[in-house]
Amino acid sequence: MIRDTGRVLLDYIPYGEDLPDEIRAAVETDADKVTDLHVWQLGPGQHAAIAVIRSASPLSLSAYRAKLAHIHDLSHMTIEIEGPLA
């Protein structure tokens, strides 16, 4: 039980799981970079993620969510958008 709950609390992604790569591929462009990403399993086939996106020309939150809509294993997504570095 400790091993299973610890995996949820510690951003554990099983070996071979490509969900972080899928998220990055869906969001990143020349202008948008994922600078921080945490993904964890909520249950079988269900994951949550928190991403920080740095962008020179930020899109709306709904636009980023639309880019991720095809990822069915992603049940919950929190997105933080940062502008370019000064």
PDB file of N, CA and C in Angstrom:
ATOM      1  N   MET A   1       0.816  -1.188   0.000  1.00  0.00           N
ATOM      2  CA  MET A   1       0.000   0.000   0.000  1.00  0.00           C
ATOM      3  C   MET A   1       0.867   1.262   0.000  1.00  0.00           C
ATOM      4  N   ILE A   2       1.922   1.258   0.790  1.00  0.00           N
ATOM      5  CA  ILE A   2       2.811   2.419   0.847  1.00  0.00           C
ATOM      6  C   ILE A   2       3.457   2.654  -0.511  1.00  0.00           C
ATOM      7  N   ARG A   3       3.885   1.586  -1.160  1.00  0.00           N
ATOM      8  CA  ARG A   3       4.517   1.717  -2.476  1.00  0.00           C
ATOM      9  C   ARG A   3       3.531   2.310  -3.483  1.00  0.00           C
ATOM     10  N   ASP A   4       2.284   1.833  -3.483  1.00  0.00           N
ATOM     11  CA  ASP A   4       1.286   2.319  -4.437  1.00  0.00           C
ATOM     12  C   ASP A   4       0.905   3.766  -4.183  1.00  0.00           C
ATOM     13  N   THR A   5       0.686   4.143  -2.932  1.00  0.00           N
ATOM     14  CA  THR A   5       0.309   5.529  -2.637  1.00  0.00           C
ATOM     15  C   THR A   5       1.497   6.467  -2.823  1.00  0.00           C
ATOM     16  N   GLY A   6       2.699   5.990  -2.529  1.00  0.00           N
ATOM     17  CA  GLY A   6       3.891   6.806  -2.738  1.00  0.00           C
ATOM     18  C   GLY A   6       4.089   7.162  -4.194  1.00  0.00           C
ATOM     19  N   ARG A   7       3.753   6.249  -5.077  1.00  0.00           N
ATOM     20  CA  ARG A   7       3.882   6.516  -6.514  1.00  0.00           C
ATOM     21  C   ARG A   7       2.954   7.643  -6.945  1.00  0.00           C
ATOM     22  N   VAL A   8       1.769   7.704  -6.386  1.00  0.00           N
ATOM     23  CA  VAL A   8       0.828   8.778  -6.717  1.00  0.00           C
ATOM     24  C   VAL A   8       1.349  10.105  -6.199  1.00  0.00           C
ATOM     25  N   LEU A   9       1.865  10.113  -4.983  1.00  0.00           N
ATOM     26  CA  LEU A   9       2.310  11.359  -4.367  1.00  0.00           C
ATOM     27  C   LEU A   9       3.619  11.889  -4.932  1.00  0.00           C
ATOM     28  N   LEU A  10       4.401  11.039  -5.571  1.00  0.00           N
ATOM     29  CA  LEU A  10       5.742  11.434  -6.010  1.00  0.00           C
ATOM     30  C   LEU A  10       5.909  11.524  -7.523  1.00  0.00           C
ATOM     31  N   ASP A  11       4.855  11.829  -8.238  1.00  0.00           N
ATOM     32  CA  ASP A  11       4.937  11.977  -9.700  1.00  0.00           C
ATOM     33  C   ASP A  11       5.489  10.732 -10.375  1.00  0.00           C
ATOM     34  N   TYR A  12       5.144   9.561  -9.888  1.00  0.00           N
ATOM     35  CA  TYR A  12       5.650   8.326 -10.472  1.00  0.00           C
ATOM     36  C   TYR A  12       4.924   8.027 -11.777  1.00  0.00           C
ATOM     37  N   ILE A  13       5.690   7.836 -12.832  1.00  0.00           N
ATOM     38  CA  ILE A  13       5.149   7.421 -14.121  1.00  0.00           C
ATOM     39  C   ILE A  13       5.818   6.093 -14.461  1.00  0.00           C
ATOM     40  N   PRO A  14       5.033   5.051 -14.739  1.00  0.00           N
ATOM     41  CA  PRO A  14       5.631   3.750 -15.056  1.00  0.00           C
ATOM     42  C   PRO A  14       6.592   3.841 -16.233  1.00  0.00           C
ATOM     43  N   TYR A  15       7.623   2.998 -16.194  1.00  0.00           N
ATOM     44  CA  TYR A  15       8.605   2.942 -17.271  1.00  0.00           C
ATOM     45  C   TYR A  15       7.885   2.699 -18.601  1.00  0.00           C
ATOM     46  N   GLY A  16       8.263   3.442 -19.601  1.00  0.00           N
ATOM     47  CA  GLY A  16       7.665   3.284 -20.917  1.00  0.00           C
ATOM     48  C   GLY A  16       6.444   4.168 -21.142  1.00  0.00           C
ATOM     49  N   GLU A  17       5.964   4.820 -20.105  1.00  0.00           N
ATOM     50  CA  GLU A  17       4.810   5.722 -20.252  1.00  0.00           C
ATOM     51  C   GLU A  17       5.280   6.978 -20.971  1.00  0.00           C
ATOM     52  N   ASP A  18       4.590   7.358 -22.033  1.00  0.00           N
ATOM     53  CA  ASP A  18       5.028   8.499 -22.840  1.00  0.00           C
ATOM     54  C   ASP A  18       4.153   9.737 -22.669  1.00  0.00           C
ATOM     55  N   LEU A  19       3.332   9.773 -21.633  1.00  0.00           N
ATOM     56  CA  LEU A  19       2.434  10.903 -21.442  1.00  0.00           C
ATOM     57  C   LEU A  19       3.153  12.250 -21.324  1.00  0.00           C
ATOM     58  N   PRO A  20       4.244  12.362 -20.566  1.00  0.00           N
ATOM     59  CA  PRO A  20       4.953  13.650 -20.544  1.00  0.00           C
ATOM     60  C   PRO A  20       5.415  14.091 -21.940  1.00  0.00           C
ATOM     61  N   ASP A  21       5.896  13.148 -22.732  1.00  0.00           N
ATOM     62  CA  ASP A  21       6.324  13.481 -24.099  1.00  0.00           C
ATOM     63  C   ASP A  21       5.138  13.905 -24.963  1.00  0.00           C
ATOM     64  N   GLU A  22       3.992  13.234 -24.781  1.00  0.00           N
ATOM     65  CA  GLU A  22       2.785  13.612 -25.535  1.00  0.00           C
ATOM     66  C   GLU A  22       2.343  15.032 -25.201  1.00  0.00           C
ATOM     67  N   ILE A  23       2.401  15.383 -23.927  1.00  0.00           N
ATOM     68  CA  ILE A  23       2.008  16.731 -23.495  1.00  0.00           C
ATOM     69  C   ILE A  23       2.936  17.758 -24.111  1.00  0.00           C
ATOM     70  N   ARG A  24       4.233  17.519 -24.011  1.00  0.00           N
ATOM     71  CA  ARG A  24       5.203  18.461 -24.596  1.00  0.00           C
ATOM     72  C   ARG A  24       5.004  18.597 -26.110  1.00  0.00           C
ATOM     73  N   ALA A  25       4.816  17.490 -26.790  1.00  0.00           N
ATOM     74  CA  ALA A  25       4.642  17.526 -28.249  1.00  0.00           C
ATOM     75  C   ALA A  25       3.379  18.288 -28.640  1.00  0.00           C
ATOM     76  N   ALA A  26       2.332  18.179 -27.838  1.00  0.00           N
ATOM     77  CA  ALA A  26       1.076  18.860 -28.159  1.00  0.00           C
ATOM     78  C   ALA A  26       1.155  20.365 -27.929  1.00  0.00           C
ATOM     79  N   VAL A  27       1.971  20.787 -26.976  1.00  0.00           N
ATOM     80  CA  VAL A  27       1.984  22.199 -26.565  1.00  0.00           C
ATOM     81  C   VAL A  27       3.148  22.972 -27.162  1.00  0.00           C
ATOM     82  N   GLU A  28       4.323  22.376 -27.215  1.00  0.00           N
ATOM     83  CA  GLU A  28       5.510  23.147 -27.569  1.00  0.00           C
ATOM     84  C   GLU A  28       5.553  23.525 -29.049  1.00  0.00           C
ATOM     85  N   THR A  29       5.955  24.764 -29.266  1.00  0.00           N
ATOM     86  CA  THR A  29       6.193  25.316 -30.598  1.00  0.00           C
ATOM     87  C   THR A  29       7.475  26.144 -30.504  1.00  0.00           C
ATOM     88  N   ASP A  30       7.790  26.879 -31.554  1.00  0.00           N
ATOM     89  CA  ASP A  30       8.940  27.781 -31.471  1.00  0.00           C
ATOM     90  C   ASP A  30       8.718  28.854 -30.406  1.00  0.00           C
ATOM     91  N   ALA A  31       7.462  29.258 -30.191  1.00  0.00           N
ATOM     92  CA  ALA A  31       7.145  30.321 -29.236  1.00  0.00           C
ATOM     93  C   ALA A  31       6.775  29.799 -27.848  1.00  0.00           C
ATOM     94  N   ASP A  32       6.307  28.562 -27.741  1.00  0.00           N
ATOM     95  CA  ASP A  32       5.813  28.007 -26.477  1.00  0.00           C
ATOM     96  C   ASP A  32       6.702  26.862 -26.012  1.00  0.00           C
ATOM     97  N   LYS A  33       7.224  26.966 -24.792  1.00  0.00           N
ATOM     98  CA  LYS A  33       8.066  25.918 -24.214  1.00  0.00           C
ATOM     99  C   LYS A  33       7.509  25.518 -22.852  1.00  0.00           C
ATOM    100  N   VAL A  34       7.426  24.221 -22.609  1.00  0.00           N
ATOM    101  CA  VAL A  34       7.044  23.719 -21.296  1.00  0.00           C
ATOM    102  C   VAL A  34       8.303  23.766 -20.436  1.00  0.00           C
ATOM    103  N   THR A  35       8.285  24.605 -19.389  1.00  0.00           N
ATOM    104  CA  THR A  35       9.473  24.775 -18.547  1.00  0.00           C
ATOM    105  C   THR A  35       9.399  23.958 -17.264  1.00  0.00           C
ATOM    106  N   ASP A  36       8.216  23.496 -16.901  1.00  0.00           N
ATOM    107  CA  ASP A  36       8.051  22.654 -15.716  1.00  0.00           C
ATOM    108  C   ASP A  36       6.833  21.769 -15.955  1.00  0.00           C
ATOM    109  N   LEU A  37       6.980  20.476 -15.713  1.00  0.00           N
ATOM    110  CA  LEU A  37       5.889  19.545 -15.966  1.00  0.00           C
ATOM    111  C   LEU A  37       5.899  18.441 -14.921  1.00  0.00           C
ATOM    112  N   HIS A  38       4.756  18.240 -14.282  1.00  0.00           N
ATOM    113  CA  HIS A  38       4.584  17.163 -13.305  1.00  0.00           C
ATOM    114  C   HIS A  38       3.369  16.356 -13.735  1.00  0.00           C
ATOM    115  N   VAL A  39       3.544  15.052 -13.850  1.00  0.00           N
ATOM    116  CA  VAL A  39       2.466  14.150 -14.261  1.00  0.00           C
ATOM    117  C   VAL A  39       2.406  13.017 -13.249  1.00  0.00           C
ATOM    118  N   TRP A  40       1.211  12.668 -12.832  1.00  0.00           N
ATOM    119  CA  TRP A  40       1.072  11.536 -11.930  1.00  0.00           C
ATOM    120  C   TRP A  40      -0.208  10.780 -12.235  1.00  0.00           C
ATOM    121  N   GLN A  41      -0.214   9.523 -11.826  1.00  0.00           N
ATOM    122  CA  GLN A  41      -1.342   8.641 -12.105  1.00  0.00           C
ATOM    123  C   GLN A  41      -2.384   8.782 -11.004  1.00  0.00           C
ATOM    124  N   LEU A  42      -3.638   8.985 -11.417  1.00  0.00           N
ATOM    125  CA  LEU A  42      -4.755   9.072 -10.484  1.00  0.00           C
ATOM    126  C   LEU A  42      -5.401   7.705 -10.282  1.00  0.00           C
ATOM    127  N   GLY A  43      -5.411   6.918 -11.337  1.00  0.00           N
ATOM    128  CA  GLY A  43      -6.011   5.592 -11.331  1.00  0.00           C
ATOM    129  C   GLY A  43      -5.679   4.939 -12.650  1.00  0.00           C
ATOM    130  N   PRO A  44      -6.200   3.746 -12.892  1.00  0.00           N
ATOM    131  CA  PRO A  44      -5.913   3.073 -14.156  1.00  0.00           C
ATOM    132  C   PRO A  44      -6.335   3.925 -15.363  1.00  0.00           C
ATOM    133  N   GLY A  45      -5.366   4.281 -16.198  1.00  0.00           N
ATOM    134  CA  GLY A  45      -5.651   5.051 -17.401  1.00  0.00           C
ATOM    135  C   GLY A  45      -6.041   6.496 -17.163  1.00  0.00           C
ATOM    136  N   GLN A  46      -5.858   6.984 -15.943  1.00  0.00           N
ATOM    137  CA  GLN A  46      -6.195   8.378 -15.629  1.00  0.00           C
ATOM    138  C   GLN A  46      -4.997   9.058 -14.975  1.00  0.00           C
ATOM    139  N   HIS A  47      -4.636  10.214 -15.539  1.00  0.00           N
ATOM    140  CA  HIS A  47      -3.494  10.966 -15.049  1.00  0.00           C
ATOM    141  C   HIS A  47      -3.864  12.428 -14.867  1.00  0.00           C
ATOM    142  N   ALA A  48      -3.103  13.091 -14.017  1.00  0.00           N
ATOM    143  CA  ALA A  48      -3.222  14.537 -13.831  1.00  0.00           C
ATOM    144  C   ALA A  48      -1.863  15.140 -14.160  1.00  0.00           C
ATOM    145  N   ALA A  49      -1.877  16.406 -14.521  1.00  0.00           N
ATOM    146  CA  ALA A  49      -0.617  17.079 -14.835  1.00  0.00           C
ATOM    147  C   ALA A  49      -0.700  18.556 -14.478  1.00  0.00           C
ATOM    148  N   ILE A  50       0.449  19.097 -14.152  1.00  0.00           N
ATOM    149  CA  ILE A  50       0.621  20.533 -13.949  1.00  0.00           C
ATOM    150  C   ILE A  50       1.751  20.948 -14.876  1.00  0.00           C
ATOM    151  N   ALA A  51       1.510  21.971 -15.689  1.00  0.00           N
ATOM    152  CA  ALA A  51       2.537  22.432 -16.625  1.00  0.00           C
ATOM    153  C   ALA A  51       2.701  23.941 -16.528  1.00  0.00           C
ATOM    154  N   VAL A  52       3.943  24.380 -16.622  1.00  0.00           N
ATOM    155  CA  VAL A  52       4.257  25.795 -16.752  1.00  0.00           C
ATOM    156  C   VAL A  52       4.719  25.996 -18.181  1.00  0.00           C
ATOM    157  N   ILE A  53       4.073  26.924 -18.870  1.00  0.00           N
ATOM    158  CA  ILE A  53       4.393  27.208 -20.270  1.00  0.00           C
ATOM    159  C   ILE A  53       4.920  28.626 -20.370  1.00  0.00           C
ATOM    160  N   ARG A  54       6.119  28.763 -20.906  1.00  0.00           N
ATOM    161  CA  ARG A  54       6.692  30.091 -21.150  1.00  0.00           C
ATOM    162  C   ARG A  54       6.483  30.393 -22.627  1.00  0.00           C
ATOM    163  N   SER A  55       5.955  31.593 -22.898  1.00  0.00           N
ATOM    164  CA  SER A  55       5.641  31.930 -24.278  1.00  0.00           C
ATOM    165  C   SER A  55       5.943  33.389 -24.575  1.00  0.00           C
ATOM    166  N   ALA A  56       6.479  33.621 -25.763  1.00  0.00           N
ATOM    167  CA  ALA A  56       6.693  34.990 -26.233  1.00  0.00           C
ATOM    168  C   ALA A  56       5.366  35.629 -26.622  1.00  0.00           C
ATOM    169  N   SER A  57       4.418  34.820 -27.060  1.00  0.00           N
ATOM    170  CA  SER A  57       3.080  35.283 -27.452  1.00  0.00           C
ATOM    171  C   SER A  57       2.050  34.299 -26.897  1.00  0.00           C
ATOM    172  N   PRO A  58       1.746  34.412 -25.602  1.00  0.00           N
ATOM    173  CA  PRO A  58       0.869  33.418 -24.975  1.00  0.00           C
ATOM    174  C   PRO A  58      -0.510  33.326 -25.624  1.00  0.00           C
ATOM    175  N   LEU A  59      -0.988  32.084 -25.725  1.00  0.00           N
ATOM    176  CA  LEU A  59      -2.350  31.822 -26.166  1.00  0.00           C
ATOM    177  C   LEU A  59      -3.263  31.857 -24.944  1.00  0.00           C
ATOM    178  N   SER A  60      -4.542  31.719 -25.163  1.00  0.00           N
ATOM    179  CA  SER A  60      -5.483  31.641 -24.045  1.00  0.00           C
ATOM    180  C   SER A  60      -5.383  30.255 -23.406  1.00  0.00           C
ATOM    181  N   LEU A  61      -5.848  30.142 -22.173  1.00  0.00           N
ATOM    182  CA  LEU A  61      -5.863  28.840 -21.512  1.00  0.00           C
ATOM    183  C   LEU A  61      -6.694  27.840 -22.311  1.00  0.00           C
ATOM    184  N   SER A  62      -7.810  28.295 -22.847  1.00  0.00           N
ATOM    185  CA  SER A  62      -8.660  27.389 -23.621  1.00  0.00           C
ATOM    186  C   SER A  62      -7.942  26.883 -24.874  1.00  0.00           C
ATOM    187  N   ALA A  63      -7.076  27.685 -25.456  1.00  0.00           N
ATOM    188  CA  ALA A  63      -6.314  27.245 -26.635  1.00  0.00           C
ATOM    189  C   ALA A  63      -5.324  26.142 -26.255  1.00  0.00           C
ATOM    190  N   TYR A  64      -4.649  26.293 -25.110  1.00  0.00           N
ATOM    191  CA  TYR A  64      -3.726  25.248 -24.666  1.00  0.00           C
ATOM    192  C   TYR A  64      -4.500  23.979 -24.299  1.00  0.00           C
ATOM    193  N   ARG A  65      -5.649  24.122 -23.647  1.00  0.00           N
ATOM    194  CA  ARG A  65      -6.469  22.954 -23.303  1.00  0.00           C
ATOM    195  C   ARG A  65      -6.938  22.226 -24.573  1.00  0.00           C
ATOM    196  N   ALA A  66      -7.278  22.989 -25.604  1.00  0.00           N
ATOM    197  CA  ALA A  66      -7.702  22.386 -26.867  1.00  0.00           C
ATOM    198  C   ALA A  66      -6.564  21.575 -27.495  1.00  0.00           C
ATOM    199  N   LYS A  67      -5.326  22.055 -27.352  1.00  0.00           N
ATOM    200  CA  LYS A  67      -4.173  21.318 -27.881  1.00  0.00           C
ATOM    201  C   LYS A  67      -3.983  19.978 -27.177  1.00  0.00           C
ATOM    202  N   LEU A  68      -4.476  19.878 -25.929  1.00  0.00           N
ATOM    203  CA  LEU A  68      -4.302  18.665 -25.129  1.00  0.00           C
ATOM    204  C   LEU A  68      -5.524  17.758 -25.134  1.00  0.00           C
ATOM    205  N   ALA A  69      -6.609  18.194 -25.743  1.00  0.00           N
ATOM    206  CA  ALA A  69      -7.895  17.476 -25.670  1.00  0.00           C
ATOM    207  C   ALA A  69      -7.830  16.055 -26.219  1.00  0.00           C
ATOM    208  N   HIS A  70      -6.941  15.788 -27.155  1.00  0.00           N
ATOM    209  CA  HIS A  70      -6.860  14.456 -27.760  1.00  0.00           C
ATOM    210  C   HIS A  70      -6.157  13.430 -26.870  1.00  0.00           C
ATOM    211  N   ILE A  71      -5.568  13.867 -25.769  1.00  0.00           N
ATOM    212  CA  ILE A  71      -4.853  12.959 -24.872  1.00  0.00           C
ATOM    213  C   ILE A  71      -5.850  12.429 -23.847  1.00  0.00           C
ATOM    214  N   HIS A  72      -6.413  11.258 -24.113  1.00  0.00           N
ATOM    215  CA  HIS A  72      -7.508  10.724 -23.305  1.00  0.00           C
ATOM    216  C   HIS A  72      -7.076  10.253 -21.923  1.00  0.00           C
ATOM    217  N   ASP A  73      -5.808   9.932 -21.733  1.00  0.00           N
ATOM    218  CA  ASP A  73      -5.329   9.513 -20.411  1.00  0.00           C
ATOM    219  C   ASP A  73      -5.189  10.693 -19.451  1.00  0.00           C
ATOM    220  N   LEU A  74      -5.303  11.902 -19.958  1.00  0.00           N
ATOM    221  CA  LEU A  74      -5.141  13.106 -19.147  1.00  0.00           C
ATOM    222  C   LEU A  74      -6.511  13.549 -18.629  1.00  0.00           C
ATOM    223  N   SER A  75      -6.782  13.238 -17.355  1.00  0.00           N
ATOM    224  CA  SER A  75      -8.087  13.529 -16.765  1.00  0.00           C
ATOM    225  C   SER A  75      -8.177  14.925 -16.164  1.00  0.00           C
ATOM    226  N   HIS A  76      -7.041  15.462 -15.731  1.00  0.00           N
ATOM    227  CA  HIS A  76      -7.033  16.786 -15.107  1.00  0.00           C
ATOM    228  C   HIS A  76      -5.737  17.491 -15.478  1.00  0.00           C
ATOM    229  N   MET A  77      -5.841  18.765 -15.859  1.00  0.00           N
ATOM    230  CA  MET A  77      -4.664  19.529 -16.272  1.00  0.00           C
ATOM    231  C   MET A  77      -4.709  20.914 -15.661  1.00  0.00           C
ATOM    232  N   THR A  78      -3.636  21.297 -14.999  1.00  0.00           N
ATOM    233  CA  THR A  78      -3.469  22.657 -14.492  1.00  0.00           C
ATOM    234  C   THR A  78      -2.370  23.305 -15.318  1.00  0.00           C
ATOM    235  N   ILE A  79      -2.638  24.497 -15.839  1.00  0.00           N
ATOM    236  CA  ILE A  79      -1.685  25.183 -16.712  1.00  0.00           C
ATOM    237  C   ILE A  79      -1.375  26.554 -16.138  1.00  0.00           C
ATOM    238  N   GLU A  80      -0.094  26.876 -16.074  1.00  0.00           N
ATOM    239  CA  GLU A  80       0.367  28.212 -15.695  1.00  0.00           C
ATOM    240  C   GLU A  80       1.114  28.775 -16.904  1.00  0.00           C
ATOM    241  N   ILE A  81       0.800  29.995 -17.266  1.00  0.00           N
ATOM    242  CA  ILE A  81       1.435  30.628 -18.424  1.00  0.00           C
ATOM    243  C   ILE A  81       2.313  31.765 -17.953  1.00  0.00           C
ATOM    244  N   GLU A  82       3.562  31.761 -18.422  1.00  0.00           N
ATOM    245  CA  GLU A  82       4.512  32.837 -18.123  1.00  0.00           C
ATOM    246  C   GLU A  82       4.896  33.525 -19.416  1.00  0.00           C
ATOM    247  N   GLY A  83       5.067  34.828 -19.347  1.00  0.00           N
ATOM    248  CA  GLY A  83       5.525  35.586 -20.495  1.00  0.00           C
ATOM    249  C   GLY A  83       7.013  35.420 -20.691  1.00  0.00           C
ATOM    250  N   PRO A  84       7.565  36.086 -21.693  1.00  0.00           N
ATOM    251  CA  PRO A  84       9.000  35.959 -21.975  1.00  0.00           C
ATOM    252  C   PRO A  84       9.837  36.530 -20.839  1.00  0.00           C
ATOM    253  N   LEU A  85      11.067  36.063 -20.726  1.00  0.00           N
ATOM    254  CA  LEU A  85      11.981  36.608 -19.725  1.00  0.00           C
ATOM    255  C   LEU A  85      12.310  38.048 -20.078  1.00  0.00           C
ATOM    256  N   ALA A  86      12.412  38.857 -19.067  1.00  0.00           N
ATOM    257  CA  ALA A  86      12.734  40.275 -19.291  1.00  0.00           C
ATOM    258  C   ALA A  86      14.209  40.468 -19.517  1.00  0.00           C
TER     259      ALA A  86
END
